[in-house]
Amino acid sequence: MLPALIVVVGFMAFPVAFAVFISFTRTNGLRFEWIWFDNYTRMLADPIVHQVFLNNLKFLISVPLVIFAALVTSVLLFERVRGWKFFRVIFFLPNVLSVAVIGIMFRNAFGYYGGVNQALGLFGIEPIQFFTNGTTAIAIIILALVWSGFGYQALLLLAGLTSIPPSVYEAAALDGAGWWKRLWFITLPNIRRVLGFVFIINVLYTFSSLFGFVFVMTAGGPGFETTTIDYLVYLRAFSSTNLGSGAALAVVLFLFIGVLTLIQNRVFRLGQED
């Protein structure tokens, strides 16, 4: 028990505590100057931080999109359409690829000489610089997020669907309920907890795990238009002379994710009580 506790403290608690400590300092990693809440006040007044937070809110568009794609896929697999076993494997394959590989795939596909512009050229359309515009760059990253994540989410929803007793559908069919009525009044209510779980983990992912996509596809550009909070933590911590500013942003992100996690746990406790 004690060795396990030491490992947990050493590999989890200590880095968090050290990040909190240096967030109150101005440091280059060698010298520490105690400045109290200066890093936090500067962060809250920083227009770049405001823009980056809004960027993360824009990426939340991916949440309903990936849930919708996963729901449609899971329902079709549950209905066992022709070739459903084959498609179940195909839809899960993107999860086997690393974020770096997926990012490079989409960056090359939507690059100036990429496959998308080559296809547009067949219709006489001039090549488009997708990554020089913040809006289109965010849209492509969202597309990569949806493509890479909907297969795994579909398997989670499929697990929820398989827990519904077949007798419920049989009784509904005998009562004359069509496919849409079965979907709205049987399927969706019975997987609401799984849908809630999928929603929460996607929101958490949007705020904490977009670094790989942004780093590979846009490097946060143009300007800071595709920079996310986790990527800004990297820029502030490792591309500046003050590690404390990056640590302060990381602490705020850590607390924000912690609050979302507590909300998730609260929602599931209420669901179990119902």
C-alpha atoms as a PDB file:
ATOM      1  CA  MET A   1       0.000   0.000   0.000  1.00  0.00           C
ATOM      2  CA  LEU A   2       2.748   2.457   0.978  1.00  0.00           C
ATOM      3  CA  PRO A   3       4.867   1.905  -2.184  1.00  0.00           C
ATOM      4  CA  ALA A   4       1.783   2.486  -4.332  1.00  0.00           C
ATOM      5  CA  LEU A   5       1.036   5.695  -2.427  1.00  0.00           C
ATOM      6  CA  ILE A   6       4.608   6.891  -2.950  1.00  0.00           C
ATOM      7  CA  VAL A   7       4.313   6.238  -6.694  1.00  0.00           C
ATOM      8  CA  VAL A   8       1.028   8.160  -6.894  1.00  0.00           C
ATOM      9  CA  VAL A   9       2.457  11.094  -4.945  1.00  0.00           C
ATOM     10  CA  GLY A  10       5.682  11.066  -6.929  1.00  0.00           C
ATOM     11  CA  PHE A  11       4.200  10.876 -10.407  1.00  0.00           C
ATOM     12  CA  MET A  12       0.941  12.784  -9.947  1.00  0.00           C
ATOM     13  CA  ALA A  13       0.727  14.958  -6.852  1.00  0.00           C
ATOM     14  CA  PHE A  14       4.266  16.359  -6.966  1.00  0.00           C
ATOM     15  CA  PRO A  15       4.109  17.681 -10.577  1.00  0.00           C
ATOM     16  CA  VAL A  16       0.762  19.345  -9.842  1.00  0.00           C
ATOM     17  CA  ALA A  17       2.086  20.898  -6.635  1.00  0.00           C
ATOM     18  CA  PHE A  18       5.239  22.072  -8.406  1.00  0.00           C
ATOM     19  CA  ALA A  19       3.184  23.630 -11.214  1.00  0.00           C
ATOM     20  CA  VAL A  20       1.124  25.505  -8.624  1.00  0.00           C
ATOM     21  CA  PHE A  21       4.332  26.687  -6.959  1.00  0.00           C
ATOM     22  CA  ILE A  22       6.001  28.024 -10.094  1.00  0.00           C
ATOM     23  CA  SER A  23       2.736  29.689 -11.183  1.00  0.00           C
ATOM     24  CA  PHE A  24       3.403  32.194  -8.380  1.00  0.00           C
ATOM     25  CA  THR A  25       6.929  32.877  -9.610  1.00  0.00           C
ATOM     26  CA  ARG A  26       8.817  34.356 -12.525  1.00  0.00           C
ATOM     27  CA  THR A  27      11.278  31.680 -13.500  1.00  0.00           C
ATOM     28  CA  ASN A  28      13.409  30.393 -16.336  1.00  0.00           C
ATOM     29  CA  GLY A  29      13.717  26.998 -14.652  1.00  0.00           C
ATOM     30  CA  LEU A  30      16.880  27.915 -12.760  1.00  0.00           C
ATOM     31  CA  ARG A  31      16.031  31.059 -10.827  1.00  0.00           C
ATOM     32  CA  PHE A  32      12.731  31.685  -9.065  1.00  0.00           C
ATOM     33  CA  GLU A  33      11.370  35.130  -8.209  1.00  0.00           C
ATOM     34  CA  TRP A  34       8.207  35.095  -6.057  1.00  0.00           C
ATOM     35  CA  ILE A  35       5.608  37.426  -7.630  1.00  0.00           C
ATOM     36  CA  TRP A  36       2.405  36.148  -5.967  1.00  0.00           C
ATOM     37  CA  PHE A  37      -0.631  36.438  -8.297  1.00  0.00           C
ATOM     38  CA  ASP A  38       1.045  38.515 -10.999  1.00  0.00           C
ATOM     39  CA  ASN A  39       1.000  35.672 -13.543  1.00  0.00           C
ATOM     40  CA  TYR A  40      -2.718  35.140 -12.927  1.00  0.00           C
ATOM     41  CA  THR A  41      -3.663  38.823 -13.189  1.00  0.00           C
ATOM     42  CA  ARG A  42      -1.655  39.187 -16.395  1.00  0.00           C
ATOM     43  CA  MET A  43      -3.292  36.049 -17.784  1.00  0.00           C
ATOM     44  CA  LEU A  44      -6.836  37.249 -17.029  1.00  0.00           C
ATOM     45  CA  ALA A  45      -6.123  40.592 -18.711  1.00  0.00           C
ATOM     46  CA  ASP A  46      -4.332  39.067 -21.714  1.00  0.00           C
ATOM     47  CA  PRO A  47      -6.360  39.443 -24.968  1.00  0.00           C
ATOM     48  CA  ILE A  48      -4.544  36.429 -26.422  1.00  0.00           C
ATOM     49  CA  VAL A  49      -5.875  34.239 -23.604  1.00  0.00           C
ATOM     50  CA  HIS A  50      -9.375  35.587 -24.279  1.00  0.00           C
ATOM     51  CA  GLN A  51      -9.051  34.764 -27.985  1.00  0.00           C
ATOM     52  CA  VAL A  52      -7.721  31.286 -27.263  1.00  0.00           C
ATOM     53  CA  PHE A  53     -10.592  30.547 -24.877  1.00  0.00           C
ATOM     54  CA  LEU A  54     -13.040  31.595 -27.601  1.00  0.00           C
ATOM     55  CA  ASN A  55     -11.184  29.287 -29.995  1.00  0.00           C
ATOM     56  CA  ASN A  56     -11.844  26.380 -27.644  1.00  0.00           C
ATOM     57  CA  LEU A  57     -15.524  27.317 -27.560  1.00  0.00           C
ATOM     58  CA  LYS A  58     -15.542  27.190 -31.374  1.00  0.00           C
ATOM     59  CA  PHE A  59     -14.088  23.695 -31.250  1.00  0.00           C
ATOM     60  CA  LEU A  60     -17.091  22.650 -29.139  1.00  0.00           C
ATOM     61  CA  ILE A  61     -18.964  22.536 -32.454  1.00  0.00           C
ATOM     62  CA  SER A  62     -17.278  19.160 -32.903  1.00  0.00           C
ATOM     63  CA  VAL A  63     -19.141  17.712 -29.896  1.00  0.00           C
ATOM     64  CA  PRO A  64     -22.678  17.522 -31.385  1.00  0.00           C
ATOM     65  CA  LEU A  65     -21.215  16.552 -34.760  1.00  0.00           C
ATOM     66  CA  VAL A  66     -19.242  13.588 -33.426  1.00  0.00           C
ATOM     67  CA  ILE A  67     -22.162  12.488 -31.226  1.00  0.00           C
ATOM     68  CA  PHE A  68     -24.562  12.656 -34.182  1.00  0.00           C
ATOM     69  CA  ALA A  69     -22.194  10.668 -36.412  1.00  0.00           C
ATOM     70  CA  ALA A  70     -21.605   8.141 -33.626  1.00  0.00           C
ATOM     71  CA  LEU A  71     -25.324   7.811 -32.897  1.00  0.00           C
ATOM     72  CA  VAL A  72     -26.237   7.202 -36.537  1.00  0.00           C
ATOM     73  CA  THR A  73     -23.418   4.678 -36.884  1.00  0.00           C
ATOM     74  CA  SER A  74     -24.279   2.841 -33.665  1.00  0.00           C
ATOM     75  CA  VAL A  75     -27.968   2.595 -34.555  1.00  0.00           C
ATOM     76  CA  LEU A  76     -27.137   1.208 -38.007  1.00  0.00           C
ATOM     77  CA  LEU A  77     -24.759  -1.322 -36.460  1.00  0.00           C
ATOM     78  CA  PHE A  78     -27.385  -2.218 -33.863  1.00  0.00           C
ATOM     79  CA  GLU A  79     -29.927  -2.765 -36.634  1.00  0.00           C
ATOM     80  CA  ARG A  80     -27.323  -5.089 -38.192  1.00  0.00           C
ATOM     81  CA  VAL A  81     -27.419  -3.699 -41.690  1.00  0.00           C
ATOM     82  CA  ARG A  82     -25.690  -5.699 -44.389  1.00  0.00           C
ATOM     83  CA  GLY A  83     -21.958  -5.946 -43.668  1.00  0.00           C
ATOM     84  CA  TRP A  84     -22.298  -4.505 -40.143  1.00  0.00           C
ATOM     85  CA  LYS A  85     -19.385  -6.530 -38.731  1.00  0.00           C
ATOM     86  CA  PHE A  86     -17.048  -5.260 -41.431  1.00  0.00           C
ATOM     87  CA  PHE A  87     -18.123  -1.634 -40.928  1.00  0.00           C
ATOM     88  CA  ARG A  88     -17.732  -1.958 -37.152  1.00  0.00           C
ATOM     89  CA  VAL A  89     -14.034  -2.654 -37.708  1.00  0.00           C
ATOM     90  CA  ILE A  90     -13.656   0.056 -40.378  1.00  0.00           C
ATOM     91  CA  PHE A  91     -15.257   2.751 -38.196  1.00  0.00           C
ATOM     92  CA  PHE A  92     -12.926   1.923 -35.312  1.00  0.00           C
ATOM     93  CA  LEU A  93      -9.729   2.003 -37.406  1.00  0.00           C
ATOM     94  CA  PRO A  94      -9.134   5.797 -37.049  1.00  0.00           C
ATOM     95  CA  ASN A  95      -8.706   5.245 -33.303  1.00  0.00           C
ATOM     96  CA  VAL A  96      -5.721   3.006 -34.019  1.00  0.00           C
ATOM     97  CA  LEU A  97      -3.903   5.883 -35.734  1.00  0.00           C
ATOM     98  CA  SER A  98      -2.011   8.434 -33.672  1.00  0.00           C
ATOM     99  CA  VAL A  99      -3.094  12.059 -33.564  1.00  0.00           C
ATOM    100  CA  ALA A 100       0.105  13.022 -35.398  1.00  0.00           C
ATOM    101  CA  VAL A 101      -0.663  10.672 -38.295  1.00  0.00           C
ATOM    102  CA  ILE A 102      -4.258  11.896 -38.559  1.00  0.00           C
ATOM    103  CA  GLY A 103      -3.111  15.508 -38.445  1.00  0.00           C
ATOM    104  CA  ILE A 104      -0.573  14.958 -41.218  1.00  0.00           C
ATOM    105  CA  MET A 105      -3.200  13.171 -43.326  1.00  0.00           C
ATOM    106  CA  PHE A 106      -5.644  16.080 -43.123  1.00  0.00           C
ATOM    107  CA  ARG A 107      -2.908  18.707 -43.488  1.00  0.00           C
ATOM    108  CA  ASN A 108      -1.716  17.061 -46.697  1.00  0.00           C
ATOM    109  CA  ALA A 109      -5.237  16.448 -47.998  1.00  0.00           C
ATOM    110  CA  PHE A 110      -6.226  20.107 -47.547  1.00  0.00           C
ATOM    111  CA  GLY A 111      -2.838  21.568 -48.443  1.00  0.00           C
ATOM    112  CA  TYR A 112      -2.375  23.827 -51.451  1.00  0.00           C
ATOM    113  CA  TYR A 113      -1.280  20.869 -53.578  1.00  0.00           C
ATOM    114  CA  GLY A 114      -3.379  18.331 -51.675  1.00  0.00           C
ATOM    115  CA  GLY A 115      -6.069  15.972 -52.835  1.00  0.00           C
ATOM    116  CA  VAL A 116      -8.955  18.325 -52.052  1.00  0.00           C
ATOM    117  CA  ASN A 117      -7.563  21.120 -54.226  1.00  0.00           C
ATOM    118  CA  GLN A 118      -6.720  18.585 -56.923  1.00  0.00           C
ATOM    119  CA  ALA A 119     -10.367  17.482 -56.903  1.00  0.00           C
ATOM    120  CA  LEU A 120     -11.587  21.093 -56.989  1.00  0.00           C
ATOM    121  CA  GLY A 121      -9.300  21.711 -59.959  1.00  0.00           C
ATOM    122  CA  LEU A 122     -11.256  19.140 -61.961  1.00  0.00           C
ATOM    123  CA  PHE A 123     -14.234  21.517 -61.735  1.00  0.00           C
ATOM    124  CA  GLY A 124     -12.198  24.562 -62.709  1.00  0.00           C
ATOM    125  CA  ILE A 125     -11.927  25.906 -59.151  1.00  0.00           C
ATOM    126  CA  GLU A 126      -8.693  27.627 -58.181  1.00  0.00           C
ATOM    127  CA  PRO A 127      -6.684  26.078 -55.302  1.00  0.00           C
ATOM    128  CA  ILE A 128      -7.712  27.335 -51.860  1.00  0.00           C
ATOM    129  CA  GLN A 129      -5.305  28.183 -49.054  1.00  0.00           C
ATOM    130  CA  PHE A 130      -7.354  26.463 -46.347  1.00  0.00           C
ATOM    131  CA  PHE A 131      -4.864  27.004 -43.529  1.00  0.00           C
ATOM    132  CA  THR A 132      -4.313  30.735 -44.069  1.00  0.00           C
ATOM    133  CA  ASN A 133      -7.846  31.486 -42.884  1.00  0.00           C
ATOM    134  CA  GLY A 134      -8.697  30.848 -39.238  1.00  0.00           C
ATOM    135  CA  THR A 135     -12.302  29.838 -39.915  1.00  0.00           C
ATOM    136  CA  THR A 136     -11.492  27.220 -42.546  1.00  0.00           C
ATOM    137  CA  ALA A 137      -8.518  25.969 -40.517  1.00  0.00           C
ATOM    138  CA  ILE A 138     -10.744  25.414 -37.470  1.00  0.00           C
ATOM    139  CA  ALA A 139     -13.318  23.694 -39.689  1.00  0.00           C
ATOM    140  CA  ILE A 140     -10.679  21.256 -40.987  1.00  0.00           C
ATOM    141  CA  ILE A 141      -9.436  20.485 -37.472  1.00  0.00           C
ATOM    142  CA  ILE A 142     -13.045  19.858 -36.417  1.00  0.00           C
ATOM    143  CA  LEU A 143     -13.452  17.528 -39.404  1.00  0.00           C
ATOM    144  CA  ALA A 144     -10.336  15.643 -38.289  1.00  0.00           C
ATOM    145  CA  LEU A 145     -11.711  15.444 -34.739  1.00  0.00           C
ATOM    146  CA  VAL A 146     -15.028  14.022 -35.907  1.00  0.00           C
ATOM    147  CA  TRP A 147     -13.413  11.520 -38.272  1.00  0.00           C
ATOM    148  CA  SER A 148     -10.940  10.295 -35.683  1.00  0.00           C
ATOM    149  CA  GLY A 149     -13.372  10.051 -32.781  1.00  0.00           C
ATOM    150  CA  PHE A 150     -16.811   9.012 -33.965  1.00  0.00           C
ATOM    151  CA  GLY A 151     -15.935   5.312 -34.334  1.00  0.00           C
ATOM    152  CA  TYR A 152     -14.948   4.913 -30.687  1.00  0.00           C
ATOM    153  CA  GLN A 153     -17.991   6.892 -29.545  1.00  0.00           C
ATOM    154  CA  ALA A 154     -20.173   4.673 -31.744  1.00  0.00           C
ATOM    155  CA  LEU A 155     -18.872   1.563 -29.968  1.00  0.00           C
ATOM    156  CA  LEU A 156     -19.703   3.143 -26.596  1.00  0.00           C
ATOM    157  CA  LEU A 157     -23.235   3.895 -27.764  1.00  0.00           C
ATOM    158  CA  LEU A 158     -23.519   0.433 -29.304  1.00  0.00           C
ATOM    159  CA  ALA A 159     -22.688  -1.075 -25.916  1.00  0.00           C
ATOM    160  CA  GLY A 160     -25.557   0.943 -24.445  1.00  0.00           C
ATOM    161  CA  LEU A 161     -27.912  -0.176 -27.200  1.00  0.00           C
ATOM    162  CA  THR A 162     -27.136  -3.856 -26.671  1.00  0.00           C
ATOM    163  CA  SER A 163     -28.158  -3.508 -23.017  1.00  0.00           C
ATOM    164  CA  ILE A 164     -31.754  -2.713 -24.035  1.00  0.00           C
ATOM    165  CA  PRO A 165     -33.935  -5.860 -23.725  1.00  0.00           C
ATOM    166  CA  PRO A 166     -35.085  -7.067 -27.176  1.00  0.00           C
ATOM    167  CA  SER A 167     -38.532  -7.722 -25.702  1.00  0.00           C
ATOM    168  CA  VAL A 168     -39.051  -3.961 -25.424  1.00  0.00           C
ATOM    169  CA  TYR A 169     -38.638  -3.538 -29.182  1.00  0.00           C
ATOM    170  CA  GLU A 170     -40.794  -6.581 -29.868  1.00  0.00           C
ATOM    171  CA  ALA A 171     -43.612  -5.192 -27.731  1.00  0.00           C
ATOM    172  CA  ALA A 172     -43.338  -1.803 -29.436  1.00  0.00           C
ATOM    173  CA  ALA A 173     -43.459  -3.448 -32.866  1.00  0.00           C
ATOM    174  CA  LEU A 174     -46.602  -5.348 -31.874  1.00  0.00           C
ATOM    175  CA  ASP A 175     -48.168  -2.051 -30.821  1.00  0.00           C
ATOM    176  CA  GLY A 176     -47.473  -0.669 -34.286  1.00  0.00           C
ATOM    177  CA  ALA A 177     -44.573   1.623 -33.390  1.00  0.00           C
ATOM    178  CA  GLY A 178     -42.499   2.506 -36.426  1.00  0.00           C
ATOM    179  CA  TRP A 179     -38.732   2.890 -36.623  1.00  0.00           C
ATOM    180  CA  TRP A 180     -38.748   6.588 -35.699  1.00  0.00           C
ATOM    181  CA  LYS A 181     -41.034   6.085 -32.707  1.00  0.00           C
ATOM    182  CA  ARG A 182     -38.869   3.248 -31.448  1.00  0.00           C
ATOM    183  CA  LEU A 183     -35.821   5.504 -31.819  1.00  0.00           C
ATOM    184  CA  TRP A 184     -37.333   8.481 -29.971  1.00  0.00           C
ATOM    185  CA  PHE A 185     -39.298   6.689 -27.263  1.00  0.00           C
ATOM    186  CA  ILE A 186     -37.203   3.568 -26.620  1.00  0.00           C
ATOM    187  CA  THR A 187     -33.656   3.841 -27.946  1.00  0.00           C
ATOM    188  CA  LEU A 188     -32.708   7.393 -26.966  1.00  0.00           C
ATOM    189  CA  PRO A 189     -34.263   7.350 -23.460  1.00  0.00           C
ATOM    190  CA  ASN A 190     -32.509   4.075 -22.652  1.00  0.00           C
ATOM    191  CA  ILE A 191     -29.060   5.311 -23.668  1.00  0.00           C
ATOM    192  CA  ARG A 192     -29.337   8.822 -22.216  1.00  0.00           C
ATOM    193  CA  ARG A 193     -26.684   8.070 -19.587  1.00  0.00           C
ATOM    194  CA  VAL A 194     -24.261   6.808 -22.242  1.00  0.00           C
ATOM    195  CA  LEU A 195     -25.029   9.879 -24.346  1.00  0.00           C
ATOM    196  CA  GLY A 196     -24.323  12.060 -21.315  1.00  0.00           C
ATOM    197  CA  PHE A 197     -21.015  10.286 -20.750  1.00  0.00           C
ATOM    198  CA  VAL A 198     -20.025  10.683 -24.404  1.00  0.00           C
ATOM    199  CA  PHE A 199     -20.966  14.369 -24.265  1.00  0.00           C
ATOM    200  CA  ILE A 200     -18.850  15.039 -21.170  1.00  0.00           C
ATOM    201  CA  ILE A 201     -15.754  13.211 -22.407  1.00  0.00           C
ATOM    202  CA  ASN A 202     -15.939  15.079 -25.710  1.00  0.00           C
ATOM    203  CA  VAL A 203     -16.159  18.432 -23.921  1.00  0.00           C
ATOM    204  CA  LEU A 204     -13.200  17.449 -21.738  1.00  0.00           C
ATOM    205  CA  TYR A 205     -11.281  16.345 -24.830  1.00  0.00           C
ATOM    206  CA  THR A 206     -11.981  19.651 -26.553  1.00  0.00           C
ATOM    207  CA  PHE A 207     -10.456  21.620 -23.692  1.00  0.00           C
ATOM    208  CA  SER A 208      -7.526  19.364 -22.878  1.00  0.00           C
ATOM    209  CA  SER A 209      -6.420  17.199 -25.791  1.00  0.00           C
ATOM    210  CA  LEU A 210      -6.322  19.205 -29.018  1.00  0.00           C
ATOM    211  CA  PHE A 211      -2.602  19.900 -28.754  1.00  0.00           C
ATOM    212  CA  GLY A 212      -1.571  17.187 -31.215  1.00  0.00           C
ATOM    213  CA  PHE A 213      -3.988  18.286 -33.943  1.00  0.00           C
ATOM    214  CA  VAL A 214      -3.074  21.966 -33.598  1.00  0.00           C
ATOM    215  CA  PHE A 215       0.676  21.320 -33.365  1.00  0.00           C
ATOM    216  CA  VAL A 216       0.768  19.167 -36.501  1.00  0.00           C
ATOM    217  CA  MET A 217      -1.836  20.900 -38.670  1.00  0.00           C
ATOM    218  CA  THR A 218      -1.563  24.650 -38.011  1.00  0.00           C
ATOM    219  CA  ALA A 219       0.932  25.338 -35.174  1.00  0.00           C
ATOM    220  CA  GLY A 220      -1.766  27.606 -33.771  1.00  0.00           C
ATOM    221  CA  GLY A 221      -1.871  29.874 -36.819  1.00  0.00           C
ATOM    222  CA  PRO A 222      -2.640  31.959 -38.633  1.00  0.00           C
ATOM    223  CA  GLY A 223      -1.726  34.223 -35.727  1.00  0.00           C
ATOM    224  CA  PHE A 224      -3.484  32.707 -32.728  1.00  0.00           C
ATOM    225  CA  GLU A 225      -6.706  31.877 -34.599  1.00  0.00           C
ATOM    226  CA  THR A 226      -6.441  28.111 -34.089  1.00  0.00           C
ATOM    227  CA  THR A 227      -4.453  28.153 -30.853  1.00  0.00           C
ATOM    228  CA  THR A 228      -6.109  26.209 -28.034  1.00  0.00           C
ATOM    229  CA  ILE A 229      -5.591  26.504 -24.287  1.00  0.00           C
ATOM    230  CA  ASP A 230      -3.382  23.428 -24.017  1.00  0.00           C
ATOM    231  CA  TYR A 231      -1.271  24.614 -26.968  1.00  0.00           C
ATOM    232  CA  LEU A 232      -0.936  28.073 -25.414  1.00  0.00           C
ATOM    233  CA  VAL A 233       0.304  26.421 -22.212  1.00  0.00           C
ATOM    234  CA  TYR A 234       3.068  24.861 -24.317  1.00  0.00           C
ATOM    235  CA  LEU A 235       3.916  28.177 -25.982  1.00  0.00           C
ATOM    236  CA  ARG A 236       3.987  30.104 -22.720  1.00  0.00           C
ATOM    237  CA  ALA A 237       5.935  27.465 -20.815  1.00  0.00           C
ATOM    238  CA  PHE A 238       8.547  26.428 -23.374  1.00  0.00           C
ATOM    239  CA  SER A 239       8.718  29.304 -25.861  1.00  0.00           C
ATOM    240  CA  SER A 240       9.143  32.169 -23.387  1.00  0.00           C
ATOM    241  CA  THR A 241      11.529  33.169 -20.624  1.00  0.00           C
ATOM    242  CA  ASN A 242       8.893  32.801 -17.902  1.00  0.00           C
ATOM    243  CA  LEU A 243       7.724  29.276 -17.147  1.00  0.00           C
ATOM    244  CA  GLY A 244       5.432  30.702 -14.470  1.00  0.00           C
ATOM    245  CA  SER A 245       2.996  32.202 -16.990  1.00  0.00           C
ATOM    246  CA  GLY A 246       2.527  28.817 -18.654  1.00  0.00           C
ATOM    247  CA  ALA A 247       2.157  27.141 -15.267  1.00  0.00           C
ATOM    248  CA  ALA A 248      -0.547  29.627 -14.230  1.00  0.00           C
ATOM    249  CA  LEU A 249      -2.513  28.871 -17.383  1.00  0.00           C
ATOM    250  CA  ALA A 250      -2.028  25.130 -16.822  1.00  0.00           C
ATOM    251  CA  VAL A 251      -3.329  25.424 -13.239  1.00  0.00           C
ATOM    252  CA  VAL A 252      -6.451  27.268 -14.418  1.00  0.00           C
ATOM    253  CA  LEU A 253      -7.016  24.616 -17.104  1.00  0.00           C
ATOM    254  CA  PHE A 254      -6.523  21.870 -14.496  1.00  0.00           C
ATOM    255  CA  LEU A 255      -9.124  23.459 -12.198  1.00  0.00           C
ATOM    256  CA  PHE A 256     -11.557  23.952 -15.085  1.00  0.00           C
ATOM    257  CA  ILE A 257     -11.285  20.300 -16.121  1.00  0.00           C
ATOM    258  CA  GLY A 258     -11.676  19.294 -12.471  1.00  0.00           C
ATOM    259  CA  VAL A 259     -14.943  21.250 -12.246  1.00  0.00           C
ATOM    260  CA  LEU A 260     -16.230  19.585 -15.429  1.00  0.00           C
ATOM    261  CA  THR A 261     -15.323  16.179 -14.000  1.00  0.00           C
ATOM    262  CA  LEU A 262     -17.208  16.927 -10.774  1.00  0.00           C
ATOM    263  CA  ILE A 263     -20.239  17.976 -12.822  1.00  0.00           C
ATOM    264  CA  GLN A 264     -19.992  14.709 -14.757  1.00  0.00           C
ATOM    265  CA  ASN A 265     -19.894  12.667 -11.545  1.00  0.00           C
ATOM    266  CA  ARG A 266     -22.838  14.619 -10.152  1.00  0.00           C
ATOM    267  CA  VAL A 267     -24.891  14.048 -13.297  1.00  0.00           C
ATOM    268  CA  PHE A 268     -24.235  10.302 -13.220  1.00  0.00           C
ATOM    269  CA  ARG A 269     -25.123  10.059  -9.542  1.00  0.00           C
ATOM    270  CA  LEU A 270     -28.431  11.762 -10.277  1.00  0.00           C
ATOM    271  CA  GLY A 271     -28.950   9.370 -13.196  1.00  0.00           C
ATOM    272  CA  GLN A 272     -28.396   6.370 -10.944  1.00  0.00           C
ATOM    273  CA  GLU A 273     -30.857   7.749  -8.387  1.00  0.00           C
ATOM    274  CA  ASP A 274     -33.469   8.102 -11.125  1.00  0.00           C
END
